[in-house]
Amino acid sequence: MDHISADTQALSPLFTLAHSHCRSLRLVGIANTHPLTSSSNATVSVQSLAGVQTLHFTPYTPEQLLTILQARLAPLFKSEDASTAEGAKKLLPVPTLNLLSKKVAAQTGDVRAVFEVLRGAIDVAVQAVSSNLLDALLPAVTPAHVISA
């Protein structure tokens, strides 16, 4: 919902519509930063928020983010092709993944941010490699790449 509008008043008609058609319409919204139901939010009418249920998901911890990363990268690290597995370990060393999960957990705890920063770090690493063809094919993502991404 934070991508639809930064202004909570602009979302009020959606809540009013869901409230007035509550037997046939359900509105499910996901937001990272939108304080739609906070008591300090005076721009959304109380009536439009009647029946709103909020489910809060806590940010991921560094350990949880690292576990998710490892699970998503497992097909590379555990590949039957030894060169693929070794290449993955060279590209994404464990200390780099640890730093990445700790940095993102400290900022947002959002798993999407982990993968966004990881993609950026890989891009930075690829751009930073020397002209050596072997290095260019298999750069190592370092903590410095994560920080710059």
C-alpha atoms as a PDB file:
ATOM      1  CA  MET A   1       0.000   0.000   0.000  1.00  0.00           C
ATOM      2  CA  ASP A   2       2.957   2.302   0.477  1.00  0.00           C
ATOM      3  CA  HIS A   3       3.476   2.156  -3.307  1.00  0.00           C
ATOM      4  CA  ILE A   4      -0.105   3.192  -4.066  1.00  0.00           C
ATOM      5  CA  SER A   5      -0.018   6.445  -2.144  1.00  0.00           C
ATOM      6  CA  ALA A   6       2.106   8.181   0.439  1.00  0.00           C
ATOM      7  CA  ASP A   7      -1.010  10.071   1.553  1.00  0.00           C
ATOM      8  CA  THR A   8      -3.288   8.068   3.832  1.00  0.00           C
ATOM      9  CA  GLN A   9      -6.253  10.261   2.928  1.00  0.00           C
ATOM     10  CA  ALA A  10      -6.004   9.031  -0.678  1.00  0.00           C
ATOM     11  CA  LEU A  11      -6.568   5.482   0.599  1.00  0.00           C
ATOM     12  CA  SER A  12      -9.627   6.369   2.678  1.00  0.00           C
ATOM     13  CA  PRO A  13     -12.094   5.734  -0.200  1.00  0.00           C
ATOM     14  CA  LEU A  14     -10.768   2.178  -0.511  1.00  0.00           C
ATOM     15  CA  PHE A  15     -11.468   1.511   3.150  1.00  0.00           C
ATOM     16  CA  THR A  16     -14.874   3.187   2.906  1.00  0.00           C
ATOM     17  CA  LEU A  17     -15.747   1.017  -0.107  1.00  0.00           C
ATOM     18  CA  ALA A  18     -14.673  -2.163   1.703  1.00  0.00           C
ATOM     19  CA  HIS A  19     -16.666  -1.080   4.781  1.00  0.00           C
ATOM     20  CA  SER A  20     -19.833  -0.341   2.812  1.00  0.00           C
ATOM     21  CA  HIS A  21     -19.651  -3.686   0.945  1.00  0.00           C
ATOM     22  CA  CYS A  22     -18.347  -5.779   3.838  1.00  0.00           C
ATOM     23  CA  ARG A  23     -20.464  -8.833   2.968  1.00  0.00           C
ATOM     24  CA  SER A  24     -18.975  -9.207  -0.508  1.00  0.00           C
ATOM     25  CA  LEU A  25     -15.670  -7.335  -0.530  1.00  0.00           C
ATOM     26  CA  ARG A  26     -12.469  -7.861   1.404  1.00  0.00           C
ATOM     27  CA  LEU A  27      -9.556  -5.508   1.113  1.00  0.00           C
ATOM     28  CA  VAL A  28      -6.139  -6.919   1.891  1.00  0.00           C
ATOM     29  CA  GLY A  29      -3.305  -4.452   1.972  1.00  0.00           C
ATOM     30  CA  ILE A  30       0.369  -4.979   2.636  1.00  0.00           C
ATOM     31  CA  ALA A  31       2.597  -2.111   3.662  1.00  0.00           C
ATOM     32  CA  ASN A  32       6.032  -1.684   5.136  1.00  0.00           C
ATOM     33  CA  THR A  33       5.723   1.866   6.349  1.00  0.00           C
ATOM     34  CA  HIS A  34       2.102   2.960   6.023  1.00  0.00           C
ATOM     35  CA  PRO A  35       0.646   3.932   9.431  1.00  0.00           C
ATOM     36  CA  LEU A  36      -2.975   3.538   8.305  1.00  0.00           C
ATOM     37  CA  THR A  37      -4.409   2.594  11.643  1.00  0.00           C
ATOM     38  CA  SER A  38      -2.101   4.454  13.988  1.00  0.00           C
ATOM     39  CA  SER A  39      -3.819   6.652  16.527  1.00  0.00           C
ATOM     40  CA  SER A  40      -1.798   9.649  15.346  1.00  0.00           C
ATOM     41  CA  ASN A  41      -3.298   9.330  11.885  1.00  0.00           C
ATOM     42  CA  ALA A  42      -6.128  11.854  11.831  1.00  0.00           C
ATOM     43  CA  THR A  43      -6.490  12.015   8.036  1.00  0.00           C
ATOM     44  CA  VAL A  44      -8.363   8.720   7.701  1.00  0.00           C
ATOM     45  CA  SER A  45     -11.886   8.735   9.105  1.00  0.00           C
ATOM     46  CA  VAL A  46     -12.673   6.432  11.986  1.00  0.00           C
ATOM     47  CA  GLN A  47     -15.675   5.051  10.087  1.00  0.00           C
ATOM     48  CA  SER A  48     -13.559   4.056   7.081  1.00  0.00           C
ATOM     49  CA  LEU A  49     -11.297   2.074   9.423  1.00  0.00           C
ATOM     50  CA  ALA A  50     -14.132   0.266  11.212  1.00  0.00           C
ATOM     51  CA  GLY A  51     -13.477  -3.449  11.028  1.00  0.00           C
ATOM     52  CA  VAL A  52      -9.881  -3.055   9.925  1.00  0.00           C
ATOM     53  CA  GLN A  53      -7.710  -5.786  11.329  1.00  0.00           C
ATOM     54  CA  THR A  54      -3.973  -5.285  11.428  1.00  0.00           C
ATOM     55  CA  LEU A  55      -1.499  -8.129  11.408  1.00  0.00           C
ATOM     56  CA  HIS A  56       2.017  -7.062  12.254  1.00  0.00           C
ATOM     57  CA  PHE A  57       4.970  -9.081  11.003  1.00  0.00           C
ATOM     58  CA  THR A  58       8.181  -8.394  12.860  1.00  0.00           C
ATOM     59  CA  PRO A  59      11.324  -7.776  10.820  1.00  0.00           C
ATOM     60  CA  TYR A  60      13.534 -10.755  10.152  1.00  0.00           C
ATOM     61  CA  THR A  61      16.564 -11.263  12.392  1.00  0.00           C
ATOM     62  CA  PRO A  62      20.052 -11.618  10.883  1.00  0.00           C
ATOM     63  CA  GLU A  63      19.918 -15.372  11.517  1.00  0.00           C
ATOM     64  CA  GLN A  64      16.560 -15.709   9.773  1.00  0.00           C
ATOM     65  CA  LEU A  65      17.738 -13.657   6.802  1.00  0.00           C
ATOM     66  CA  LEU A  66      20.886 -15.766   6.507  1.00  0.00           C
ATOM     67  CA  THR A  67      18.825 -18.969   6.647  1.00  0.00           C
ATOM     68  CA  ILE A  68      16.546 -17.664   3.876  1.00  0.00           C
ATOM     69  CA  LEU A  69      19.557 -16.651   1.777  1.00  0.00           C
ATOM     70  CA  GLN A  70      21.190 -20.035   2.234  1.00  0.00           C
ATOM     71  CA  ALA A  71      17.971 -21.853   1.350  1.00  0.00           C
ATOM     72  CA  ARG A  72      17.510 -19.812  -1.817  1.00  0.00           C
ATOM     73  CA  LEU A  73      21.166 -20.252  -2.820  1.00  0.00           C
ATOM     74  CA  ALA A  74      21.346 -23.954  -1.893  1.00  0.00           C
ATOM     75  CA  PRO A  75      20.826 -25.184  -5.472  1.00  0.00           C
ATOM     76  CA  LEU A  76      24.002 -23.333  -6.469  1.00  0.00           C
ATOM     77  CA  PHE A  77      26.082 -24.270  -3.427  1.00  0.00           C
ATOM     78  CA  LYS A  78      25.001 -27.922  -3.535  1.00  0.00           C
ATOM     79  CA  SER A  79      25.075 -28.354  -7.292  1.00  0.00           C
ATOM     80  CA  GLU A  80      26.063 -31.749  -8.647  1.00  0.00           C
ATOM     81  CA  ASP A  81      28.405 -29.869 -10.978  1.00  0.00           C
ATOM     82  CA  ALA A  82      31.474 -29.267  -8.818  1.00  0.00           C
ATOM     83  CA  SER A  83      32.535 -26.204 -10.796  1.00  0.00           C
ATOM     84  CA  THR A  84      29.125 -24.571 -10.229  1.00  0.00           C
ATOM     85  CA  ALA A  85      29.275 -25.245  -6.487  1.00  0.00           C
ATOM     86  CA  GLU A  86      32.860 -23.959  -6.232  1.00  0.00           C
ATOM     87  CA  GLY A  87      31.981 -20.917  -8.343  1.00  0.00           C
ATOM     88  CA  ALA A  88      29.041 -20.092  -6.090  1.00  0.00           C
ATOM     89  CA  LYS A  89      31.236 -20.371  -3.002  1.00  0.00           C
ATOM     90  CA  LYS A  90      33.809 -18.074  -4.592  1.00  0.00           C
ATOM     91  CA  LEU A  91      31.189 -15.576  -5.765  1.00  0.00           C
ATOM     92  CA  LEU A  92      29.289 -15.462  -2.471  1.00  0.00           C
ATOM     93  CA  PRO A  93      31.546 -16.293   0.470  1.00  0.00           C
ATOM     94  CA  VAL A  94      29.900 -16.947   3.842  1.00  0.00           C
ATOM     95  CA  PRO A  95      31.382 -13.843   5.561  1.00  0.00           C
ATOM     96  CA  THR A  96      29.835 -11.653   2.855  1.00  0.00           C
ATOM     97  CA  LEU A  97      26.422 -13.280   3.304  1.00  0.00           C
ATOM     98  CA  ASN A  98      26.721 -12.849   7.090  1.00  0.00           C
ATOM     99  CA  LEU A  99      27.458  -9.147   6.722  1.00  0.00           C
ATOM    100  CA  LEU A 100      24.633  -8.737   4.236  1.00  0.00           C
ATOM    101  CA  SER A 101      22.087 -10.342   6.557  1.00  0.00           C
ATOM    102  CA  LYS A 102      23.276  -8.281   9.537  1.00  0.00           C
ATOM    103  CA  LYS A 103      23.196  -4.982   7.634  1.00  0.00           C
ATOM    104  CA  VAL A 104      19.714  -5.543   6.232  1.00  0.00           C
ATOM    105  CA  ALA A 105      18.363  -6.785   9.575  1.00  0.00           C
ATOM    106  CA  ALA A 106      19.697  -3.638  11.248  1.00  0.00           C
ATOM    107  CA  GLN A 107      18.045  -1.383   8.671  1.00  0.00           C
ATOM    108  CA  THR A 108      14.747  -2.979   7.651  1.00  0.00           C
ATOM    109  CA  GLY A 109      14.670  -6.705   8.316  1.00  0.00           C
ATOM    110  CA  ASP A 110      12.994  -7.052   4.920  1.00  0.00           C
ATOM    111  CA  VAL A 111      13.929 -10.181   2.980  1.00  0.00           C
ATOM    112  CA  ARG A 112      13.283  -8.377  -0.302  1.00  0.00           C
ATOM    113  CA  ALA A 113      15.969  -5.882   0.645  1.00  0.00           C
ATOM    114  CA  VAL A 114      18.464  -8.726   1.155  1.00  0.00           C
ATOM    115  CA  PHE A 115      18.048  -9.846  -2.428  1.00  0.00           C
ATOM    116  CA  GLU A 116      18.026  -6.293  -3.758  1.00  0.00           C
ATOM    117  CA  VAL A 117      21.279  -5.471  -1.981  1.00  0.00           C
ATOM    118  CA  LEU A 118      22.764  -8.821  -3.021  1.00  0.00           C
ATOM    119  CA  ARG A 119      21.971  -8.096  -6.687  1.00  0.00           C
ATOM    120  CA  GLY A 120      23.546  -4.658  -6.308  1.00  0.00           C
ATOM    121  CA  ALA A 121      26.637  -6.102  -4.624  1.00  0.00           C
ATOM    122  CA  ILE A 122      27.062  -8.633  -7.427  1.00  0.00           C
ATOM    123  CA  ASP A 123      26.773  -5.807  -9.972  1.00  0.00           C
ATOM    124  CA  VAL A 124      29.412  -3.784  -8.095  1.00  0.00           C
ATOM    125  CA  ALA A 125      31.711  -6.831  -7.909  1.00  0.00           C
ATOM    126  CA  VAL A 126      31.367  -7.526 -11.627  1.00  0.00           C
ATOM    127  CA  GLN A 127      32.121  -3.898 -12.468  1.00  0.00           C
ATOM    128  CA  ALA A 128      35.137  -3.885 -10.162  1.00  0.00           C
ATOM    129  CA  VAL A 129      36.897  -6.960 -11.522  1.00  0.00           C
ATOM    130  CA  SER A 130      40.114  -6.676 -13.458  1.00  0.00           C
ATOM    131  CA  SER A 131      40.359  -7.294 -17.171  1.00  0.00           C
ATOM    132  CA  ASN A 132      41.493 -10.871 -16.472  1.00  0.00           C
ATOM    133  CA  LEU A 133      38.875 -13.012 -18.214  1.00  0.00           C
ATOM    134  CA  LEU A 134      38.799 -15.654 -15.457  1.00  0.00           C
ATOM    135  CA  ASP A 135      38.237 -13.017 -12.752  1.00  0.00           C
ATOM    136  CA  ALA A 136      35.582 -11.340 -14.877  1.00  0.00           C
ATOM    137  CA  LEU A 137      33.710 -14.625 -15.158  1.00  0.00           C
ATOM    138  CA  LEU A 138      33.935 -15.373 -11.456  1.00  0.00           C
ATOM    139  CA  PRO A 139      34.318 -12.298  -9.248  1.00  0.00           C
ATOM    140  CA  ALA A 140      34.065 -12.559  -5.482  1.00  0.00           C
ATOM    141  CA  VAL A 141      31.462 -10.408  -3.768  1.00  0.00           C
ATOM    142  CA  THR A 142      33.176  -8.854  -0.764  1.00  0.00           C
ATOM    143  CA  PRO A 143      31.844  -7.012   2.293  1.00  0.00           C
ATOM    144  CA  ALA A 144      32.960  -3.777   0.602  1.00  0.00           C
ATOM    145  CA  HIS A 145      30.656  -4.554  -2.336  1.00  0.00           C
ATOM    146  CA  VAL A 146      27.756  -5.154   0.049  1.00  0.00           C
ATOM    147  CA  ILE A 147      28.390  -1.853   1.817  1.00  0.00           C
ATOM    148  CA  SER A 148      28.580   0.076  -1.442  1.00  0.00           C
ATOM    149  CA  ALA A 149      25.400  -1.584  -2.742  1.00  0.00           C
END
